[in-house]
Amino acid sequence: MKVHPSTISREFKRSPGQYFAERAEAHASLCRSTKGRCIIFTASLAKTIYNWIHNKQLSVDEKVLR
């Protein structure tokens, strides 16, 4: 299979019960599709972030912001 034995071992440990390659591939594809998804910066999100900063829920100094 040209993969390290520990890779195969981890793959089996991730799937409780019987292992199905198709199910594992579908799960891996789903994880890859949502990985690194960008958040669209909107005006309402900007207001929320500034509210978090003003309410000390986000530790960012306002002086470093534009």
N, C-alpha and C. Protein backbone atom coordinates (compact mmCIF):
# COMPACT_ATOMS: atom_id res chain seq x y z
N MET A 1 0.83 -1.21 0.00
CA MET A 1 0.00 0.00 0.00
C MET A 1 0.86 1.26 0.00
N LYS A 2 2.14 1.11 0.27
CA LYS A 2 3.08 2.22 0.26
C LYS A 2 2.76 3.31 1.28
N VAL A 3 2.24 2.90 2.44
CA VAL A 3 2.04 3.83 3.55
C VAL A 3 2.64 3.19 4.80
N HIS A 4 2.97 4.02 5.75
CA HIS A 4 3.58 3.54 6.98
C HIS A 4 2.55 2.72 7.77
N PRO A 5 2.97 1.65 8.43
CA PRO A 5 2.04 0.83 9.21
C PRO A 5 1.27 1.61 10.27
N SER A 6 1.90 2.61 10.87
CA SER A 6 1.19 3.39 11.89
C SER A 6 0.03 4.18 11.27
N THR A 7 0.15 4.57 10.00
CA THR A 7 -0.94 5.27 9.32
C THR A 7 -2.15 4.36 9.19
N ILE A 8 -1.91 3.12 8.84
CA ILE A 8 -3.00 2.15 8.71
C ILE A 8 -3.61 1.88 10.08
N SER A 9 -2.76 1.76 11.10
CA SER A 9 -3.26 1.52 12.45
C SER A 9 -4.16 2.66 12.92
N ARG A 10 -3.74 3.91 12.70
CA ARG A 10 -4.57 5.06 13.10
C ARG A 10 -5.90 5.07 12.34
N GLU A 11 -5.87 4.70 11.08
CA GLU A 11 -7.09 4.67 10.28
C GLU A 11 -8.08 3.67 10.86
N PHE A 12 -7.59 2.51 11.26
CA PHE A 12 -8.48 1.51 11.86
C PHE A 12 -9.01 1.97 13.22
N LYS A 13 -8.18 2.64 14.00
CA LYS A 13 -8.60 3.10 15.31
C LYS A 13 -9.66 4.20 15.22
N ARG A 14 -9.64 4.99 14.14
CA ARG A 14 -10.61 6.08 13.97
C ARG A 14 -12.01 5.57 13.71
N SER A 15 -12.14 4.36 13.19
CA SER A 15 -13.46 3.85 12.84
C SER A 15 -13.85 2.74 13.82
N PRO A 16 -14.78 3.05 14.73
CA PRO A 16 -15.19 2.02 15.70
C PRO A 16 -15.96 0.91 14.98
N GLY A 17 -15.81 -0.31 15.47
CA GLY A 17 -16.49 -1.44 14.85
C GLY A 17 -15.81 -1.87 13.56
N GLN A 18 -16.61 -2.31 12.63
CA GLN A 18 -16.06 -2.79 11.36
C GLN A 18 -15.61 -1.63 10.48
N TYR A 19 -14.49 -1.82 9.79
CA TYR A 19 -13.91 -0.78 8.94
C TYR A 19 -14.47 -0.89 7.53
N PHE A 20 -14.92 0.24 6.98
CA PHE A 20 -15.40 0.31 5.61
C PHE A 20 -14.61 1.40 4.90
N ALA A 21 -13.88 1.03 3.87
CA ALA A 21 -13.04 1.99 3.15
C ALA A 21 -13.86 3.11 2.54
N GLU A 22 -15.04 2.78 1.99
CA GLU A 22 -15.88 3.80 1.36
C GLU A 22 -16.35 4.83 2.38
N ARG A 23 -16.73 4.37 3.55
CA ARG A 23 -17.19 5.28 4.60
C ARG A 23 -16.04 6.16 5.09
N ALA A 24 -14.85 5.57 5.22
CA ALA A 24 -13.69 6.33 5.66
C ALA A 24 -13.32 7.39 4.63
N GLU A 25 -13.39 7.03 3.36
CA GLU A 25 -13.07 8.00 2.29
C GLU A 25 -14.09 9.13 2.25
N ALA A 26 -15.37 8.80 2.43
CA ALA A 26 -16.41 9.84 2.44
C ALA A 26 -16.20 10.80 3.60
N HIS A 27 -15.83 10.26 4.77
CA HIS A 27 -15.58 11.11 5.93
C HIS A 27 -14.36 12.00 5.70
N ALA A 28 -13.30 11.43 5.12
CA ALA A 28 -12.09 12.21 4.85
C ALA A 28 -12.38 13.31 3.83
N SER A 29 -13.19 13.01 2.82
CA SER A 29 -13.55 14.03 1.82
C SER A 29 -14.34 15.16 2.45
N LEU A 30 -15.25 14.82 3.35
CA LEU A 30 -16.04 15.84 4.03
C LEU A 30 -15.14 16.73 4.87
N CYS A 31 -14.19 16.13 5.58
CA CYS A 31 -13.27 16.92 6.41
C CYS A 31 -12.40 17.83 5.55
N ARG A 32 -11.96 17.33 4.41
CA ARG A 32 -11.13 18.16 3.51
C ARG A 32 -11.93 19.31 2.92
N SER A 33 -13.22 19.08 2.65
CA SER A 33 -14.01 20.11 2.00
C SER A 33 -14.31 21.29 2.92
N THR A 34 -14.33 21.06 4.23
CA THR A 34 -14.63 22.14 5.17
C THR A 34 -13.38 22.69 5.83
N LYS A 35 -12.23 22.17 5.48
CA LYS A 35 -10.97 22.60 6.09
C LYS A 35 -10.56 23.97 5.57
N GLY A 36 -10.24 24.86 6.48
CA GLY A 36 -9.72 26.16 6.10
C GLY A 36 -10.73 27.07 5.43
N ARG A 37 -11.98 26.87 5.74
CA ARG A 37 -13.01 27.70 5.14
C ARG A 37 -12.86 29.15 5.61
N CYS A 38 -12.88 30.08 4.68
CA CYS A 38 -12.72 31.49 5.00
C CYS A 38 -14.04 32.09 5.49
N ILE A 39 -13.94 32.95 6.45
CA ILE A 39 -15.11 33.67 6.95
C ILE A 39 -15.23 34.96 6.15
N ILE A 40 -16.41 35.22 5.65
CA ILE A 40 -16.64 36.45 4.89
C ILE A 40 -16.81 37.59 5.88
N PHE A 41 -15.97 38.59 5.76
CA PHE A 41 -15.99 39.73 6.67
C PHE A 41 -17.09 40.69 6.23
N THR A 42 -18.09 40.87 7.07
CA THR A 42 -19.21 41.75 6.77
C THR A 42 -19.26 42.88 7.79
N ALA A 43 -20.10 43.86 7.52
CA ALA A 43 -20.24 44.99 8.44
C ALA A 43 -20.77 44.54 9.80
N SER A 44 -21.71 43.61 9.79
CA SER A 44 -22.26 43.13 11.07
C SER A 44 -21.22 42.35 11.86
N LEU A 45 -20.36 41.61 11.16
CA LEU A 45 -19.29 40.90 11.85
C LEU A 45 -18.29 41.89 12.44
N ALA A 46 -17.99 42.94 11.70
CA ALA A 46 -17.07 43.97 12.20
C ALA A 46 -17.61 44.61 13.47
N LYS A 47 -18.92 44.90 13.47
CA LYS A 47 -19.52 45.49 14.69
C LYS A 47 -19.43 44.53 15.86
N THR A 48 -19.62 43.25 15.59
CA THR A 48 -19.55 42.24 16.64
C THR A 48 -18.14 42.17 17.21
N ILE A 49 -17.15 42.18 16.34
CA ILE A 49 -15.76 42.11 16.81
C ILE A 49 -15.43 43.33 17.66
N TYR A 50 -15.84 44.50 17.23
CA TYR A 50 -15.56 45.69 18.04
C TYR A 50 -16.31 45.65 19.37
N ASN A 51 -17.51 45.10 19.39
CA ASN A 51 -18.23 44.94 20.66
C ASN A 51 -17.48 44.01 21.59
N TRP A 52 -16.94 42.92 21.06
CA TRP A 52 -16.15 42.00 21.87
C TRP A 52 -14.93 42.71 22.46
N ILE A 53 -14.29 43.54 21.66
CA ILE A 53 -13.11 44.26 22.13
C ILE A 53 -13.50 45.24 23.23
N HIS A 54 -14.56 46.02 23.02
CA HIS A 54 -15.00 47.00 24.01
C HIS A 54 -15.44 46.34 25.31
N ASN A 55 -16.03 45.15 25.22
CA ASN A 55 -16.51 44.44 26.41
C ASN A 55 -15.44 43.54 27.03
N LYS A 56 -14.20 43.66 26.53
CA LYS A 56 -13.05 42.90 27.05
C LYS A 56 -13.24 41.38 26.88
N GLN A 57 -14.01 40.97 25.88
CA GLN A 57 -14.17 39.55 25.58
C GLN A 57 -13.12 39.08 24.59
N LEU A 58 -12.46 40.00 23.93
CA LEU A 58 -11.41 39.70 22.98
C LEU A 58 -10.21 40.54 23.37
N SER A 59 -9.10 39.89 23.67
CA SER A 59 -7.96 40.62 24.19
C SER A 59 -7.10 41.20 23.06
N VAL A 60 -7.55 42.34 22.54
CA VAL A 60 -6.82 43.07 21.51
C VAL A 60 -6.83 44.53 21.92
N ASP A 61 -5.68 45.15 21.85
CA ASP A 61 -5.61 46.56 22.18
C ASP A 61 -6.17 47.37 21.01
N GLU A 62 -7.10 48.25 21.30
CA GLU A 62 -7.73 49.06 20.24
C GLU A 62 -6.73 49.94 19.51
N LYS A 63 -5.61 50.24 20.14
CA LYS A 63 -4.62 51.11 19.52
C LYS A 63 -3.95 50.47 18.30
N VAL A 64 -3.95 49.13 18.25
CA VAL A 64 -3.30 48.46 17.12
C VAL A 64 -4.25 48.31 15.94
N LEU A 65 -5.51 48.60 16.14
CA LEU A 65 -6.50 48.48 15.06
C LEU A 65 -6.51 49.74 14.21
N ARG A 66 -6.91 49.60 12.99
CA ARG A 66 -6.98 50.77 12.12
C ARG A 66 -8.16 51.62 12.44
